[in-house]
Amino acid sequence: MIDYPRTYFGWSASSPADYADPEAGLVVHYNGAPTGLDDHGDCVSYWKNTRDDHVNNRGWADIGYSFGVSTEGHVFEGRGLHRYQAAQGTSSGNANYYSVS
């Protein structure tokens, strides 16, 4: 269940051209305690800043992750289901795995 869809963050839908059907599994990217995410507002800011970095600094089409999970356990929509993501660093990894940060 997605607690906070892309629209919550003011983002439009991911491009239909980025369709993928990941079946190999899920990769979890753990950022650790040093991120200082103490509450929901911190997590929302982090998620928005991550997308901004991915789009404006790295030149990606969208945030690199399929989903994010806040410190309270809420699910944030990134690229979402059935979307090619960018978090693996390889074309096959990006097409075959979902990624959660």
Protein backbone atom coordinates (compact mmCIF):
# COMPACT_ATOMS: atom_id res chain seq x y z
CA MET A 1 0.00 0.00 0.00
CA ILE A 2 1.33 3.41 -0.95
CA ASP A 3 0.73 5.91 1.84
CA TYR A 4 2.05 8.92 -0.08
CA PRO A 5 1.65 8.85 -3.88
CA ARG A 6 3.65 11.01 -6.28
CA THR A 7 0.89 13.62 -6.27
CA TYR A 8 1.50 14.22 -2.55
CA PHE A 9 4.97 15.52 -3.50
CA GLY A 10 3.65 17.54 -6.44
CA TRP A 11 5.07 15.19 -9.06
CA SER A 12 3.31 14.08 -12.22
CA ALA A 13 3.21 10.44 -13.34
CA SER A 14 6.41 8.75 -14.52
CA SER A 15 6.83 8.55 -18.27
CA PRO A 16 5.05 5.61 -19.95
CA ALA A 17 8.26 5.15 -21.95
CA ASP A 18 9.94 4.00 -18.74
CA TYR A 19 7.85 0.79 -18.54
CA ALA A 20 9.53 -2.28 -17.05
CA ASP A 21 8.30 -5.48 -15.44
CA PRO A 22 10.80 -6.25 -12.65
CA GLU A 23 10.59 -9.91 -11.69
CA ALA A 24 14.02 -10.65 -10.21
CA GLY A 25 13.34 -9.09 -6.83
CA LEU A 26 13.80 -6.06 -4.65
CA VAL A 27 16.92 -4.14 -3.70
CA VAL A 28 16.88 -2.15 -0.45
CA HIS A 29 19.13 0.90 -0.23
CA TYR A 30 19.66 1.67 3.45
CA ASN A 31 20.90 5.20 4.08
CA GLY A 32 21.51 4.71 7.79
CA ALA A 33 21.18 6.86 10.87
CA PRO A 34 23.54 9.64 9.64
CA THR A 35 20.74 11.05 7.47
CA GLY A 36 19.17 12.52 10.63
CA LEU A 37 15.59 11.72 9.64
CA ASP A 38 13.76 12.17 12.91
CA ASP A 39 10.17 12.72 11.80
CA HIS A 40 7.77 12.71 8.86
CA GLY A 41 8.73 16.22 7.73
CA ASP A 42 12.41 15.25 7.59
CA CYS A 43 11.57 12.20 5.49
CA VAL A 44 9.43 14.23 3.05
CA SER A 45 12.23 16.79 2.65
CA TYR A 46 14.79 14.04 2.12
CA TRP A 47 12.60 12.34 -0.53
CA LYS A 48 12.03 15.61 -2.39
CA ASN A 49 15.73 16.55 -2.19
CA THR A 50 16.72 13.11 -3.46
CA ARG A 51 14.48 13.52 -6.51
CA ASP A 52 15.80 17.01 -7.10
CA ASP A 53 19.39 15.68 -7.01
CA HIS A 54 18.59 12.79 -9.33
CA VAL A 55 16.80 14.99 -11.89
CA ASN A 56 18.77 18.25 -11.73
CA ASN A 57 22.29 17.07 -10.82
CA ARG A 58 22.48 13.58 -12.31
CA GLY A 59 20.26 14.27 -15.31
CA TRP A 60 17.94 11.32 -14.71
CA ALA A 61 14.33 11.40 -15.87
CA ASP A 62 12.98 10.97 -12.33
CA ILE A 63 13.92 9.88 -8.81
CA GLY A 64 16.00 6.71 -9.09
CA TYR A 65 13.98 4.58 -6.67
CA SER A 66 10.72 2.72 -7.09
CA PHE A 67 9.63 3.49 -3.53
CA GLY A 68 10.86 5.00 -0.29
CA VAL A 69 10.01 4.13 3.31
CA SER A 70 9.95 6.76 6.04
CA THR A 71 11.26 6.27 9.55
CA GLU A 72 7.63 5.75 10.65
CA GLY A 73 7.16 2.98 8.06
CA HIS A 74 5.11 4.98 5.55
CA VAL A 75 5.59 4.10 1.88
CA PHE A 76 6.46 6.94 -0.51
CA GLU A 77 5.94 6.43 -4.22
CA GLY A 78 9.00 7.08 -6.36
CA ARG A 79 8.89 5.81 -9.94
CA GLY A 80 6.34 3.26 -8.78
CA LEU A 81 5.32 -0.14 -10.10
CA HIS A 82 6.21 -1.30 -13.59
CA ARG A 83 8.77 1.45 -14.12
CA TYR A 84 12.40 1.17 -15.13
CA GLN A 85 14.35 2.63 -12.23
CA ALA A 86 17.87 4.03 -11.97
CA ALA A 87 19.21 2.92 -8.60
CA GLN A 88 21.16 -0.19 -9.67
CA GLY A 89 23.78 1.32 -11.97
CA THR A 90 23.21 -1.29 -14.68
CA SER A 91 20.57 -1.54 -17.38
CA SER A 92 19.61 -5.11 -16.48
CA GLY A 93 19.47 -4.30 -12.77
CA ASN A 94 17.29 -1.28 -13.39
CA ALA A 95 14.87 -3.29 -15.53
CA ASN A 96 14.74 -6.45 -13.40
CA TYR A 97 14.60 -5.18 -9.81
CA TYR A 98 12.48 -2.78 -7.84
CA SER A 99 14.40 -0.49 -5.48
CA VAL A 100 13.40 0.91 -2.11
CA SER A 101 15.26 3.60 -0.17
